[in-house]
Amino acid sequence: MRSAAVINNGLRRYVALNLFIEYVHQGRVIAGVYIMTIFIVYTLVYTIFSRVPPIW
């Protein structure tokens, strides 16, 4: 049977790895939202300030 220290050390490593993976995933999500926001703002500004009438 493994000692509690070995189990605790392995658990600590797993938690650190899991938090790192979640941090990387969160960074991708934030980058995606940022890019989508830029596209939406660009589309709105182009529609408002251009002479092209809106589709609707």
PDB file of N, CA and C in Angstrom:
ATOM      1  N   MET A   1       0.835  -1.187   0.000  1.00  0.00           N
ATOM      2  CA  MET A   1       0.000   0.000   0.000  1.00  0.00           C
ATOM      3  C   MET A   1       0.879   1.249   0.000  1.00  0.00           C
ATOM      4  N   ARG A   2       0.508   2.203  -0.824  1.00  0.00           N
ATOM      5  CA  ARG A   2       1.317   3.412  -0.922  1.00  0.00           C
ATOM      6  C   ARG A   2       1.040   4.329   0.259  1.00  0.00           C
ATOM      7  N   SER A   3       2.028   5.112   0.577  1.00  0.00           N
ATOM      8  CA  SER A   3       1.866   6.008   1.720  1.00  0.00           C
ATOM      9  C   SER A   3       1.026   7.216   1.321  1.00  0.00           C
ATOM     10  N   ALA A   4       0.533   7.909   2.322  1.00  0.00           N
ATOM     11  CA  ALA A   4      -0.310   9.085   2.077  1.00  0.00           C
ATOM     12  C   ALA A   4       0.482  10.198   1.402  1.00  0.00           C
ATOM     13  N   ALA A   5       1.784  10.292   1.697  1.00  0.00           N
ATOM     14  CA  ALA A   5       2.604  11.339   1.086  1.00  0.00           C
ATOM     15  C   ALA A   5       2.730  11.124  -0.417  1.00  0.00           C
ATOM     16  N   VAL A   6       2.898   9.878  -0.833  1.00  0.00           N
ATOM     17  CA  VAL A   6       3.013   9.586  -2.267  1.00  0.00           C
ATOM     18  C   VAL A   6       1.698   9.892  -2.970  1.00  0.00           C
ATOM     19  N   ILE A   7       0.593   9.498  -2.362  1.00  0.00           N
ATOM     20  CA  ILE A   7      -0.718   9.765  -2.966  1.00  0.00           C
ATOM     21  C   ILE A   7      -0.973  11.265  -3.038  1.00  0.00           C
ATOM     22  N   ASN A   8      -0.617  11.983  -1.974  1.00  0.00           N
ATOM     23  CA  ASN A   8      -0.831  13.426  -1.942  1.00  0.00           C
ATOM     24  C   ASN A   8       0.016  14.117  -3.004  1.00  0.00           C
ATOM     25  N   ASN A   9       1.255  13.661  -3.178  1.00  0.00           N
ATOM     26  CA  ASN A   9       2.135  14.253  -4.179  1.00  0.00           C
ATOM     27  C   ASN A   9       1.582  14.019  -5.584  1.00  0.00           C
ATOM     28  N   GLY A  10       1.094  12.815  -5.843  1.00  0.00           N
ATOM     29  CA  GLY A  10       0.513  12.529  -7.156  1.00  0.00           C
ATOM     30  C   GLY A  10      -0.740  13.338  -7.402  1.00  0.00           C
ATOM     31  N   LEU A  11      -1.546  13.490  -6.358  1.00  0.00           N
ATOM     32  CA  LEU A  11      -2.768  14.286  -6.489  1.00  0.00           C
ATOM     33  C   LEU A  11      -2.436  15.746  -6.755  1.00  0.00           C
ATOM     34  N   ARG A  12      -1.402  16.240  -6.080  1.00  0.00           N
ATOM     35  CA  ARG A  12      -0.999  17.633  -6.273  1.00  0.00           C
ATOM     36  C   ARG A  12      -0.540  17.855  -7.714  1.00  0.00           C
ATOM     37  N   ARG A  13       0.209  16.883  -8.250  1.00  0.00           N
ATOM     38  CA  ARG A  13       0.655  17.000  -9.635  1.00  0.00           C
ATOM     39  C   ARG A  13      -0.530  16.978 -10.599  1.00  0.00           C
ATOM     40  N   TYR A  14      -1.494  16.108 -10.329  1.00  0.00           N
ATOM     41  CA  TYR A  14      -2.677  16.020 -11.188  1.00  0.00           C
ATOM     42  C   TYR A  14      -3.465  17.323 -11.157  1.00  0.00           C
ATOM     43  N   VAL A  15      -3.629  17.912  -9.980  1.00  0.00           N
ATOM     44  CA  VAL A  15      -4.376  19.168  -9.866  1.00  0.00           C
ATOM     45  C   VAL A  15      -3.653  20.273 -10.615  1.00  0.00           C
ATOM     46  N   ALA A  16      -2.327  20.342 -10.495  1.00  0.00           N
ATOM     47  CA  ALA A  16      -1.562  21.370 -11.198  1.00  0.00           C
ATOM     48  C   ALA A  16      -1.701  21.197 -12.709  1.00  0.00           C
ATOM     49  N   LEU A  17      -1.636  19.959 -13.189  1.00  0.00           N
ATOM     50  CA  LEU A  17      -1.776  19.709 -14.625  1.00  0.00           C
ATOM     51  C   LEU A  17      -3.181  20.061 -15.093  1.00  0.00           C
ATOM     52  N   ASN A  18      -4.173  19.696 -14.293  1.00  0.00           N
ATOM     53  CA  ASN A  18      -5.559  19.972 -14.658  1.00  0.00           C
ATOM     54  C   ASN A  18      -5.806  21.476 -14.721  1.00  0.00           C
ATOM     55  N   LEU A  19      -5.280  22.219 -13.757  1.00  0.00           N
ATOM     56  CA  LEU A  19      -5.453  23.675 -13.768  1.00  0.00           C
ATOM     57  C   LEU A  19      -4.749  24.290 -14.972  1.00  0.00           C
ATOM     58  N   PHE A  20      -3.569  23.744 -15.333  1.00  0.00           N
ATOM     59  CA  PHE A  20      -2.861  24.264 -16.499  1.00  0.00           C
ATOM     60  C   PHE A  20      -3.668  24.031 -17.770  1.00  0.00           C
ATOM     61  N   ILE A  21      -4.249  22.833 -17.908  1.00  0.00           N
ATOM     62  CA  ILE A  21      -5.057  22.535 -19.094  1.00  0.00           C
ATOM     63  C   ILE A  21      -6.275  23.452 -19.146  1.00  0.00           C
ATOM     64  N   GLU A  22      -6.930  23.652 -17.992  1.00  0.00           N
ATOM     65  CA  GLU A  22      -8.086  24.542 -17.974  1.00  0.00           C
ATOM     66  C   GLU A  22      -7.672  25.970 -18.298  1.00  0.00           C
ATOM     67  N   TYR A  23      -6.474  26.389 -17.847  1.00  0.00           N
ATOM     68  CA  TYR A  23      -6.002  27.745 -18.133  1.00  0.00           C
ATOM     69  C   TYR A  23      -5.758  27.924 -19.627  1.00  0.00           C
ATOM     70  N   VAL A  24      -5.151  26.919 -20.262  1.00  0.00           N
ATOM     71  CA  VAL A  24      -4.905  26.999 -21.708  1.00  0.00           C
ATOM     72  C   VAL A  24      -6.232  27.048 -22.454  1.00  0.00           C
ATOM     73  N   HIS A  25      -7.188  26.209 -22.047  1.00  0.00           N
ATOM     74  CA  HIS A  25      -8.497  26.204 -22.701  1.00  0.00           C
ATOM     75  C   HIS A  25      -9.200  27.541 -22.506  1.00  0.00           C
ATOM     76  N   GLN A  26      -9.105  28.101 -21.311  1.00  0.00           N
ATOM     77  CA  GLN A  26      -9.739  29.388 -21.045  1.00  0.00           C
ATOM     78  C   GLN A  26      -9.099  30.479 -21.904  1.00  0.00           C
ATOM     79  N   GLY A  27      -7.794  30.412 -22.097  1.00  0.00           N
ATOM     80  CA  GLY A  27      -7.120  31.391 -22.948  1.00  0.00           C
ATOM     81  C   GLY A  27      -7.609  31.311 -24.385  1.00  0.00           C
ATOM     82  N   ARG A  28      -7.837  30.090 -24.876  1.00  0.00           N
ATOM     83  CA  ARG A  28      -8.358  29.944 -26.241  1.00  0.00           C
ATOM     84  C   ARG A  28      -9.760  30.516 -26.355  1.00  0.00           C
ATOM     85  N   VAL A  29     -10.584  30.279 -25.340  1.00  0.00           N
ATOM     86  CA  VAL A  29     -11.954  30.794 -25.369  1.00  0.00           C
ATOM     87  C   VAL A  29     -11.941  32.317 -25.355  1.00  0.00           C
ATOM     88  N   ILE A  30     -11.106  32.913 -24.507  1.00  0.00           N
ATOM     89  CA  ILE A  30     -11.027  34.374 -24.438  1.00  0.00           C
ATOM     90  C   ILE A  30     -10.527  34.936 -25.762  1.00  0.00           C
ATOM     91  N   ALA A  31      -9.544  34.291 -26.376  1.00  0.00           N
ATOM     92  CA  ALA A  31      -9.040  34.754 -27.670  1.00  0.00           C
ATOM     93  C   ALA A  31     -10.126  34.659 -28.734  1.00  0.00           C
ATOM     94  N   GLY A  32     -10.919  33.590 -28.701  1.00  0.00           N
ATOM     95  CA  GLY A  32     -12.009  33.454 -29.670  1.00  0.00           C
ATOM     96  C   GLY A  32     -13.063  34.526 -29.498  1.00  0.00           C
ATOM     97  N   VAL A  33     -13.425  34.809 -28.252  1.00  0.00           N
ATOM     98  CA  VAL A  33     -14.409  35.870 -27.993  1.00  0.00           C
ATOM     99  C   VAL A  33     -13.858  37.214 -28.443  1.00  0.00           C
ATOM    100  N   TYR A  34     -12.578  37.456 -28.217  1.00  0.00           N
ATOM    101  CA  TYR A  34     -11.949  38.711 -28.622  1.00  0.00           C
ATOM    102  C   TYR A  34     -11.984  38.867 -30.145  1.00  0.00           C
ATOM    103  N   ILE A  35     -11.645  37.811 -30.867  1.00  0.00           N
ATOM    104  CA  ILE A  35     -11.660  37.870 -32.334  1.00  0.00           C
ATOM    105  C   ILE A  35     -13.082  38.057 -32.850  1.00  0.00           C
ATOM    106  N   MET A  36     -14.051  37.351 -32.258  1.00  0.00           N
ATOM    107  CA  MET A  36     -15.446  37.520 -32.680  1.00  0.00           C
ATOM    108  C   MET A  36     -15.920  38.949 -32.430  1.00  0.00           C
ATOM    109  N   THR A  37     -15.512  39.533 -31.304  1.00  0.00           N
ATOM    110  CA  THR A  37     -15.892  40.917 -31.004  1.00  0.00           C
ATOM    111  C   THR A  37     -15.317  41.870 -32.043  1.00  0.00           C
ATOM    112  N   ILE A  38     -14.073  41.652 -32.432  1.00  0.00           N
ATOM    113  CA  ILE A  38     -13.465  42.510 -33.459  1.00  0.00           C
ATOM    114  C   ILE A  38     -14.238  42.394 -34.768  1.00  0.00           C
ATOM    115  N   PHE A  39     -14.597  41.177 -35.172  1.00  0.00           N
ATOM    116  CA  PHE A  39     -15.353  41.004 -36.413  1.00  0.00           C
ATOM    117  C   PHE A  39     -16.719  41.665 -36.342  1.00  0.00           C
ATOM    118  N   ILE A  40     -17.400  41.536 -35.200  1.00  0.00           N
ATOM    119  CA  ILE A  40     -18.731  42.132 -35.064  1.00  0.00           C
ATOM    120  C   ILE A  40     -18.640  43.650 -35.105  1.00  0.00           C
ATOM    121  N   VAL A  41     -17.685  44.217 -34.385  1.00  0.00           N
ATOM    122  CA  VAL A  41     -17.534  45.680 -34.382  1.00  0.00           C
ATOM    123  C   VAL A  41     -17.149  46.164 -35.771  1.00  0.00           C
ATOM    124  N   TYR A  42     -16.255  45.462 -36.447  1.00  0.00           N
ATOM    125  CA  TYR A  42     -15.874  45.853 -37.802  1.00  0.00           C
ATOM    126  C   TYR A  42     -17.083  45.830 -38.728  1.00  0.00           C
ATOM    127  N   THR A  43     -17.903  44.793 -38.622  1.00  0.00           N
ATOM    128  CA  THR A  43     -19.094  44.694 -39.470  1.00  0.00           C
ATOM    129  C   THR A  43     -20.068  45.827 -39.185  1.00  0.00           C
ATOM    130  N   LEU A  44     -20.298  46.122 -37.909  1.00  0.00           N
ATOM    131  CA  LEU A  44     -21.214  47.211 -37.568  1.00  0.00           C
ATOM    132  C   LEU A  44     -20.687  48.557 -38.047  1.00  0.00           C
ATOM    133  N   VAL A  45     -19.410  48.814 -37.836  1.00  0.00           N
ATOM    134  CA  VAL A  45     -18.829  50.092 -38.275  1.00  0.00           C
ATOM    135  C   VAL A  45     -18.877  50.191 -39.789  1.00  0.00           C
ATOM    136  N   TYR A  46     -18.558  49.121 -40.484  1.00  0.00           N
ATOM    137  CA  TYR A  46     -18.605  49.145 -41.941  1.00  0.00           C
ATOM    138  C   TYR A  46     -20.028  49.400 -42.427  1.00  0.00           C
ATOM    139  N   THR A  47     -21.006  48.779 -41.774  1.00  0.00           N
ATOM    140  CA  THR A  47     -22.399  48.963 -42.185  1.00  0.00           C
ATOM    141  C   THR A  47     -22.872  50.381 -41.903  1.00  0.00           C
ATOM    142  N   ILE A  48     -22.481  50.936 -40.781  1.00  0.00           N
ATOM    143  CA  ILE A  48     -22.973  52.270 -40.404  1.00  0.00           C
ATOM    144  C   ILE A  48     -22.298  53.354 -41.237  1.00  0.00           C
ATOM    145  N   PHE A  49     -20.995  53.269 -41.432  1.00  0.00           N
ATOM    146  CA  PHE A  49     -20.258  54.360 -42.065  1.00  0.00           C
ATOM    147  C   PHE A  49     -20.082  54.195 -43.570  1.00  0.00           C
ATOM    148  N   SER A  50     -20.564  53.130 -44.135  1.00  0.00           N
ATOM    149  CA  SER A  50     -20.462  52.987 -45.583  1.00  0.00           C
ATOM    150  C   SER A  50     -21.773  53.426 -46.223  1.00  0.00           C
ATOM    151  N   ARG A  51     -21.741  53.638 -47.509  1.00  0.00           N
ATOM    152  CA  ARG A  51     -22.952  54.040 -48.233  1.00  0.00           C
ATOM    153  C   ARG A  51     -23.814  52.838 -48.595  1.00  0.00           C
ATOM    154  N   VAL A  52     -23.364  51.639 -48.244  1.00  0.00           N
ATOM    155  CA  VAL A  52     -24.113  50.434 -48.576  1.00  0.00           C
ATOM    156  C   VAL A  52     -25.316  50.346 -47.646  1.00  0.00           C
ATOM    157  N   PRO A  53     -26.519  50.249 -48.205  1.00  0.00           N
ATOM    158  CA  PRO A  53     -27.683  50.129 -47.319  1.00  0.00           C
ATOM    159  C   PRO A  53     -27.709  48.759 -46.652  1.00  0.00           C
ATOM    160  N   PRO A  54     -28.234  48.683 -45.465  1.00  0.00           N
ATOM    161  CA  PRO A  54     -28.308  47.379 -44.804  1.00  0.00           C
ATOM    162  C   PRO A  54     -29.232  46.426 -45.546  1.00  0.00           C
ATOM    163  N   ILE A  55     -29.057  45.162 -45.328  1.00  0.00           N
ATOM    164  CA  ILE A  55     -29.810  44.138 -46.058  1.00  0.00           C
ATOM    165  C   ILE A  55     -31.281  44.193 -45.699  1.00  0.00           C
ATOM    166  N   TRP A  56     -31.584  44.436 -44.425  1.00  0.00           N
ATOM    167  CA  TRP A  56     -32.990  44.388 -44.020  1.00  0.00           C
ATOM    168  C   TRP A  56     -33.688  45.605 -44.470  1.00  0.00           C
TER     169      TRP A  56
END
